[in-house]
C-alpha atoms as a PDB file:
ATOM      1  CA  MET A   1       0.000   0.000   0.000  1.00  0.00           C
ATOM      2  CA  ALA A   2       2.095   2.853  -1.319  1.00  0.00           C
ATOM      3  CA  ARG A   3       1.045   6.212   0.060  1.00  0.00           C
ATOM      4  CA  SER A   4       2.462   8.970   2.206  1.00  0.00           C
ATOM      5  CA  PRO A   5       0.821   8.916   5.652  1.00  0.00           C
ATOM      6  CA  GLN A   6      -0.694  12.232   6.669  1.00  0.00           C
ATOM      7  CA  PRO A   7      -1.637  12.897  10.319  1.00  0.00           C
ATOM      8  CA  VAL A   8      -5.376  13.390  10.590  1.00  0.00           C
ATOM      9  CA  PHE A   9      -5.801  14.109  14.286  1.00  0.00           C
ATOM     10  CA  PRO A  10      -4.704  17.332  16.013  1.00  0.00           C
ATOM     11  CA  ARG A  11      -2.459  17.541  19.057  1.00  0.00           C
ATOM     12  CA  VAL A  12      -4.372  16.004  21.961  1.00  0.00           C
ATOM     13  CA  ALA A  13      -4.225  17.362  25.498  1.00  0.00           C
ATOM     14  CA  THR A  14      -0.627  18.509  25.010  1.00  0.00           C
ATOM     15  CA  ARG A  15       0.150  19.254  28.652  1.00  0.00           C
ATOM     16  CA  ALA A  16      -1.276  15.968  29.886  1.00  0.00           C
ATOM     17  CA  ILE A  17       0.638  14.009  27.251  1.00  0.00           C
ATOM     18  CA  THR A  18       3.859  15.807  28.189  1.00  0.00           C
ATOM     19  CA  ALA A  19       3.318  14.909  31.848  1.00  0.00           C
ATOM     20  CA  LEU A  20       2.592  11.320  30.934  1.00  0.00           C
ATOM     21  CA  ALA A  21       5.722  11.142  28.803  1.00  0.00           C
ATOM     22  CA  ALA A  22       7.767  12.264  31.808  1.00  0.00           C
ATOM     23  CA  LEU A  23       6.183   9.563  33.924  1.00  0.00           C
ATOM     24  CA  VAL A  24       6.737   6.711  31.512  1.00  0.00           C
ATOM     25  CA  SER A  25      10.347   7.740  30.942  1.00  0.00           C
ATOM     26  CA  GLY A  26      10.968   7.596  34.673  1.00  0.00           C
ATOM     27  CA  GLY A  27      11.424  11.312  35.219  1.00  0.00           C
ATOM     28  CA  CYS A  28       8.838  12.018  37.904  1.00  0.00           C
ATOM     29  CA  GLY A  29       8.792  11.118  41.573  1.00  0.00           C
ATOM     30  CA  PRO A  30      10.750   8.613  43.608  1.00  0.00           C
ATOM     31  CA  ALA A  31       8.623   5.594  42.663  1.00  0.00           C
ATOM     32  CA  ARG A  32       9.230   5.174  38.964  1.00  0.00           C
ATOM     33  CA  PRO A  33       6.731   3.128  36.918  1.00  0.00           C
ATOM     34  CA  ALA A  34       7.910   0.621  34.351  1.00  0.00           C
ATOM     35  CA  ARG A  35       9.026   2.177  31.106  1.00  0.00           C
ATOM     36  CA  VAL A  36       6.270   2.010  28.483  1.00  0.00           C
ATOM     37  CA  MET A  37       7.186   1.856  24.828  1.00  0.00           C
ATOM     38  CA  PRO A  38       4.918   3.074  22.010  1.00  0.00           C
ATOM     39  CA  PRO A  39       2.947   0.193  20.528  1.00  0.00           C
ATOM     40  CA  ALA A  40       4.518  -1.307  17.420  1.00  0.00           C
ATOM     41  CA  PHE A  41       1.930  -2.112  14.773  1.00  0.00           C
ATOM     42  CA  SER A  42       1.543  -2.191  11.007  1.00  0.00           C
ATOM     43  CA  PRO A  43      -0.979   0.348   9.639  1.00  0.00           C
ATOM     44  CA  THR A  44      -1.152  -1.742   6.465  1.00  0.00           C
ATOM     45  CA  ASP A  45      -2.050  -4.938   8.343  1.00  0.00           C
ATOM     46  CA  ILE A  46      -4.638  -3.290  10.594  1.00  0.00           C
ATOM     47  CA  THR A  47      -6.259  -1.468   7.667  1.00  0.00           C
ATOM     48  CA  ARG A  48      -6.540  -4.783   5.834  1.00  0.00           C
ATOM     49  CA  ARG A  49      -8.146  -6.430   8.878  1.00  0.00           C
ATOM     50  CA  VAL A  50     -10.660  -3.584   9.258  1.00  0.00           C
ATOM     51  CA  LEU A  51     -11.628  -3.901   5.604  1.00  0.00           C
ATOM     52  CA  ASP A  52     -11.862  -7.690   5.899  1.00  0.00           C
ATOM     53  CA  VAL A  53     -14.451  -7.209   8.651  1.00  0.00           C
ATOM     54  CA  ALA A  54     -16.340  -4.105   7.541  1.00  0.00           C
ATOM     55  CA  ASP A  55     -15.943  -3.645   3.789  1.00  0.00           C
ATOM     56  CA  ARG A  56     -18.453  -6.303   2.792  1.00  0.00           C
ATOM     57  CA  ASP A  57     -18.857  -5.126  -0.820  1.00  0.00           C
ATOM     58  CA  GLY A  58     -15.102  -4.794  -1.392  1.00  0.00           C
ATOM     59  CA  ASP A  59     -15.200  -1.227  -2.690  1.00  0.00           C
ATOM     60  CA  GLY A  60     -12.415   0.027  -0.401  1.00  0.00           C
ATOM     61  CA  GLU A  61     -14.792   2.180   1.644  1.00  0.00           C
ATOM     62  CA  CYS A  62     -16.704   1.613   4.885  1.00  0.00           C
ATOM     63  CA  THR A  63     -20.118   3.152   5.434  1.00  0.00           C
ATOM     64  CA  LEU A  64     -21.592   3.863   8.857  1.00  0.00           C
ATOM     65  CA  GLU A  65     -23.704   0.724   8.519  1.00  0.00           C
ATOM     66  CA  GLU A  66     -20.664  -1.413   7.680  1.00  0.00           C
ATOM     67  CA  LEU A  67     -18.652   0.127  10.514  1.00  0.00           C
ATOM     68  CA  LYS A  68     -21.145  -1.137  13.089  1.00  0.00           C
ATOM     69  CA  LEU A  69     -18.850  -4.179  13.052  1.00  0.00           C
ATOM     70  CA  VAL A  70     -15.974  -1.945  14.228  1.00  0.00           C
ATOM     71  CA  PRO A  71     -17.880   0.349  16.618  1.00  0.00           C
ATOM     72  CA  GLY A  72     -14.861   2.398  17.676  1.00  0.00           C
ATOM     73  CA  LEU A  73     -14.422   3.633  14.122  1.00  0.00           C
ATOM     74  CA  ASN A  74     -18.182   3.927  13.629  1.00  0.00           C
ATOM     75  CA  ARG A  75     -18.577   6.306  16.574  1.00  0.00           C
ATOM     76  CA  PHE A  76     -15.701   8.557  15.501  1.00  0.00           C
ATOM     77  CA  VAL A  77     -16.147   8.680  11.725  1.00  0.00           C
ATOM     78  CA  ALA A  78     -16.452  12.478  11.837  1.00  0.00           C
ATOM     79  CA  ASP A  79     -12.949  12.747  13.337  1.00  0.00           C
ATOM     80  CA  LEU A  80     -11.263  10.491  10.773  1.00  0.00           C
ATOM     81  CA  ASP A  81     -13.273  11.362   7.663  1.00  0.00           C
ATOM     82  CA  THR A  82     -10.921  13.920   6.118  1.00  0.00           C
ATOM     83  CA  ASP A  83     -12.967  14.523   2.958  1.00  0.00           C
ATOM     84  CA  LYS A  84     -16.218  14.786   4.985  1.00  0.00           C
ATOM     85  CA  ASN A  85     -18.269  12.454   2.791  1.00  0.00           C
ATOM     86  CA  GLY A  86     -19.662  10.447   5.723  1.00  0.00           C
ATOM     87  CA  ILE A  87     -17.684   7.266   5.094  1.00  0.00           C
ATOM     88  CA  LEU A  88     -14.168   6.013   5.797  1.00  0.00           C
ATOM     89  CA  SER A  89     -11.961   5.096   2.864  1.00  0.00           C
ATOM     90  CA  GLU A  90      -9.053   2.688   2.956  1.00  0.00           C
ATOM     91  CA  ALA A  91      -6.678   5.659   2.714  1.00  0.00           C
ATOM     92  CA  GLU A  92      -8.332   7.525   5.620  1.00  0.00           C
ATOM     93  CA  ILE A  93      -8.082   4.500   7.904  1.00  0.00           C
ATOM     94  CA  PHE A  94      -4.475   3.856   6.885  1.00  0.00           C
ATOM     95  CA  ASN A  95      -3.430   7.498   7.289  1.00  0.00           C
ATOM     96  CA  TRP A  96      -4.912   7.728  10.791  1.00  0.00           C
ATOM     97  CA  LEU A  97      -3.135   4.549  11.853  1.00  0.00           C
ATOM     98  CA  ALA A  98       0.145   5.665  10.285  1.00  0.00           C
ATOM     99  CA  ALA A  99      -0.071   9.027  12.051  1.00  0.00           C
ATOM    100  CA  GLY A 100      -0.592   7.230  15.365  1.00  0.00           C
ATOM    101  CA  ARG A 101       2.378   4.960  14.804  1.00  0.00           C
ATOM    102  CA  ASN A 102       4.599   7.809  13.686  1.00  0.00           C
ATOM    103  CA  SER A 103       3.671   9.963  16.693  1.00  0.00           C
ATOM    104  CA  ARG A 104       5.744   7.631  18.917  1.00  0.00           C
ATOM    105  CA  VAL A 105       3.532   8.484  21.913  1.00  0.00           C
ATOM    106  CA  ALA A 106       3.604   5.657  24.453  1.00  0.00           C
ATOM    107  CA  ALA A 107       0.139   6.366  25.912  1.00  0.00           C
ATOM    108  CA  TYR A 108      -2.574   9.011  25.820  1.00  0.00           C
ATOM    109  CA  PRO A 109      -4.862  10.286  28.590  1.00  0.00           C
ATOM    110  CA  ALA A 110      -8.270   8.646  28.155  1.00  0.00           C
ATOM    111  CA  SER A 111     -11.475   9.140  30.126  1.00  0.00           C
ATOM    112  CA  VAL A 112     -15.116   8.306  29.453  1.00  0.00           C
ATOM    113  CA  CYS A 113     -18.385   9.317  31.118  1.00  0.00           C
ATOM    114  CA  ILE A 114     -20.974   6.633  31.858  1.00  0.00           C
ATOM    115  CA  LEU A 115     -24.600   7.643  32.360  1.00  0.00           C
ATOM    116  CA  GLN A 116     -27.793   5.689  32.909  1.00  0.00           C
ATOM    117  CA  ARG A 117     -30.927   7.321  31.566  1.00  0.00           C
ATOM    118  CA  GLY A 118     -29.111  10.636  31.598  1.00  0.00           C
ATOM    119  CA  ALA A 119     -27.803  10.443  35.183  1.00  0.00           C
ATOM    120  CA  PRO A 120     -24.149   9.782  36.154  1.00  0.00           C
ATOM    121  CA  LEU A 121     -23.503   6.130  36.997  1.00  0.00           C
ATOM    122  CA  PRO A 122     -20.836   5.856  39.741  1.00  0.00           C
ATOM    123  CA  GLY A 123     -18.919   2.803  40.890  1.00  0.00           C
ATOM    124  CA  VAL A 124     -18.970   0.736  37.705  1.00  0.00           C
ATOM    125  CA  ARG A 125     -15.958  -0.830  36.053  1.00  0.00           C
ATOM    126  CA  VAL A 126     -15.133   0.326  32.531  1.00  0.00           C
ATOM    127  CA  GLN A 127     -12.756  -1.727  30.395  1.00  0.00           C
ATOM    128  CA  ILE A 128     -11.511  -0.932  26.918  1.00  0.00           C
ATOM    129  CA  VAL A 129     -10.438  -4.080  25.104  1.00  0.00           C
ATOM    130  CA  PRO A 130      -8.474  -3.923  21.837  1.00  0.00           C
ATOM    131  CA  GLU A 131     -10.492  -4.867  18.764  1.00  0.00           C
ATOM    132  CA  PRO A 132      -9.228  -8.065  17.066  1.00  0.00           C
ATOM    133  CA  CYS A 133      -8.073  -5.975  14.092  1.00  0.00           C
ATOM    134  CA  MET A 134      -5.365  -4.470  16.341  1.00  0.00           C
ATOM    135  CA  GLY A 135      -3.786  -7.911  16.814  1.00  0.00           C
ATOM    136  CA  ASN A 136      -1.683  -8.250  19.957  1.00  0.00           C
ATOM    137  CA  THR A 137      -0.080  -4.829  19.599  1.00  0.00           C
ATOM    138  CA  ILE A 138      -1.838  -2.851  22.349  1.00  0.00           C
ATOM    139  CA  GLN A 139      -3.008  -3.438  25.919  1.00  0.00           C
ATOM    140  CA  ALA A 140      -6.426  -3.220  27.512  1.00  0.00           C
ATOM    141  CA  ALA A 141      -7.081  -0.395  29.970  1.00  0.00           C
ATOM    142  CA  GLU A 142      -9.724   0.160  32.631  1.00  0.00           C
ATOM    143  CA  GLY A 143     -11.061   2.439  35.327  1.00  0.00           C
ATOM    144  CA  THR A 144     -13.937   2.877  37.790  1.00  0.00           C
ATOM    145  CA  THR A 145     -16.463   5.677  37.477  1.00  0.00           C
ATOM    146  CA  ASP A 146     -16.545   8.404  40.114  1.00  0.00           C
ATOM    147  CA  ASN A 147     -19.624  10.242  41.395  1.00  0.00           C
ATOM    148  CA  ALA A 148     -19.798  12.204  38.132  1.00  0.00           C
ATOM    149  CA  GLY A 149     -19.793   8.951  36.144  1.00  0.00           C
ATOM    150  CA  ILE A 150     -16.286   9.600  34.829  1.00  0.00           C
ATOM    151  CA  ALA A 151     -13.700   6.819  34.586  1.00  0.00           C
ATOM    152  CA  ALA A 152     -10.055   7.672  33.957  1.00  0.00           C
ATOM    153  CA  LEU A 153      -8.713   4.707  32.011  1.00  0.00           C
ATOM    154  CA  ARG A 154      -5.286   3.249  32.576  1.00  0.00           C
ATOM    155  CA  MET A 155      -3.171   0.278  31.668  1.00  0.00           C
ATOM    156  CA  PRO A 156      -2.061  -1.804  34.668  1.00  0.00           C
ATOM    157  CA  ILE A 157       1.537  -0.541  34.491  1.00  0.00           C
ATOM    158  CA  LEU A 158       0.679   3.173  34.399  1.00  0.00           C
ATOM    159  CA  PRO A 159      -0.956   5.714  36.742  1.00  0.00           C
ATOM    160  CA  PHE A 160      -3.100   6.777  33.768  1.00  0.00           C
ATOM    161  CA  GLY A 161      -3.185   6.420  30.023  1.00  0.00           C
ATOM    162  CA  ALA A 162      -4.027   4.070  27.152  1.00  0.00           C
ATOM    163  CA  HIS A 163      -2.346   3.015  23.934  1.00  0.00           C
ATOM    164  CA  PHE A 164      -3.293   4.453  20.551  1.00  0.00           C
ATOM    165  CA  GLY A 165      -5.818   2.162  18.903  1.00  0.00           C
ATOM    166  CA  ILE A 166      -9.343   0.854  18.352  1.00  0.00           C
ATOM    167  CA  TYR A 167     -11.229  -0.621  21.310  1.00  0.00           C
ATOM    168  CA  ARG A 168     -14.470  -2.260  22.421  1.00  0.00           C
ATOM    169  CA  ILE A 169     -15.952  -0.963  25.708  1.00  0.00           C
ATOM    170  CA  LYS A 170     -17.230  -3.272  28.442  1.00  0.00           C
ATOM    171  CA  ILE A 171     -19.103  -1.909  31.462  1.00  0.00           C
ATOM    172  CA  THR A 172     -19.759  -4.101  34.494  1.00  0.00           C
ATOM    173  CA  GLY A 173     -21.321  -3.500  37.890  1.00  0.00           C
ATOM    174  CA  LYS A 174     -24.745  -2.413  39.105  1.00  0.00           C
ATOM    175  CA  GLY A 175     -27.025   0.182  37.623  1.00  0.00           C
ATOM    176  CA  THR A 176     -28.925   2.880  39.488  1.00  0.00           C
ATOM    177  CA  SER A 177     -31.672   0.362  40.332  1.00  0.00           C
ATOM    178  CA  GLY A 178     -29.188  -2.020  41.943  1.00  0.00           C
ATOM    179  CA  GLN A 179     -29.521  -4.580  39.158  1.00  0.00           C
ATOM    180  CA  ARG A 180     -26.559  -5.926  37.206  1.00  0.00           C
ATOM    181  CA  ILE A 181     -25.733  -4.024  34.049  1.00  0.00           C
ATOM    182  CA  ALA A 182     -27.119  -5.859  31.016  1.00  0.00           C
ATOM    183  CA  THR A 183     -24.887  -8.072  28.878  1.00  0.00           C
ATOM    184  CA  GLN A 184     -25.399  -5.726  25.921  1.00  0.00           C
ATOM    185  CA  TYR A 185     -22.927  -3.422  27.671  1.00  0.00           C
ATOM    186  CA  ASN A 186     -20.285  -6.022  28.593  1.00  0.00           C
ATOM    187  CA  SER A 187     -20.013  -9.539  27.141  1.00  0.00           C
ATOM    188  CA  GLU A 188     -22.198  -8.572  24.156  1.00  0.00           C
ATOM    189  CA  SER A 189     -21.087  -4.952  23.938  1.00  0.00           C
ATOM    190  CA  SER A 190     -21.316  -2.986  20.709  1.00  0.00           C
ATOM    191  CA  LEU A 191     -19.846   0.159  22.282  1.00  0.00           C
ATOM    192  CA  GLY A 192     -16.582   1.361  20.807  1.00  0.00           C
ATOM    193  CA  LEU A 193     -13.787   3.843  21.373  1.00  0.00           C
ATOM    194  CA  ILE A 194     -10.651   5.061  19.681  1.00  0.00           C
ATOM    195  CA  VAL A 195      -7.629   6.518  21.443  1.00  0.00           C
ATOM    196  CA  PRO A 196      -6.582   9.338  21.383  1.00  0.00           C
ATOM    197  CA  LEU A 197      -9.900  10.974  22.157  1.00  0.00           C
ATOM    198  CA  ILE A 198      -9.165  14.225  20.318  1.00  0.00           C
ATOM    199  CA  GLY A 199      -9.882  16.551  23.224  1.00  0.00           C
ATOM    200  CA  ARG A 200     -13.319  15.235  24.133  1.00  0.00           C
ATOM    201  CA  LEU A 201     -15.002  13.268  26.900  1.00  0.00           C
ATOM    202  CA  PRO A 202     -17.119  10.540  25.239  1.00  0.00           C
ATOM    203  CA  ARG A 203     -20.424   9.875  26.957  1.00  0.00           C
ATOM    204  CA  PHE A 204     -22.239   6.547  26.941  1.00  0.00           C
ATOM    205  CA  ASP A 205     -25.834   6.574  28.187  1.00  0.00           C
ATOM    206  CA  LEU A 206     -27.117   3.157  29.228  1.00  0.00           C
ATOM    207  CA  GLU A 207     -30.774   2.196  29.226  1.00  0.00           C
END
């Protein structure tokens, strides 16, 4: 796939990323976390896997309907769709992935807000699990929602932060009624996320 990768996402939370970079390089505080390297992945391979899953008609483009099979990309089409035609082309997916690889950022700050029927849902566990198209190149991250329903996601080896990539979201715990959260939000989840989050706090409102 011969093309020149062009970054398609702006600088994300520059100060927070700078602080995180200092942490992962061991330059902050007496207790130094393990050094975290940027994930090594092939934009060509991941693009091919995305198309294998979502491009059912083989035209090299993924519509919103097709991208329901890769919900992280489906939810954030507007951020990656550089020509603003409402779909993701093979080149747009590849260029975004190549920009992420070339950024050499080890991890990005990542938080999500979980609501239930419009109200913050505290005390639930939020996991982001790499989509199969990412292969074994990135790690899962997780966090627990606070009283505002916000979970700061982190990999186990870091105080905060997640790898660049495409994820599926799983939410477990009890809802506002005290009942277990339905499987449609965990084992059967169709909720997705991409990292970095491009300066926003994604909100997921459960039924």
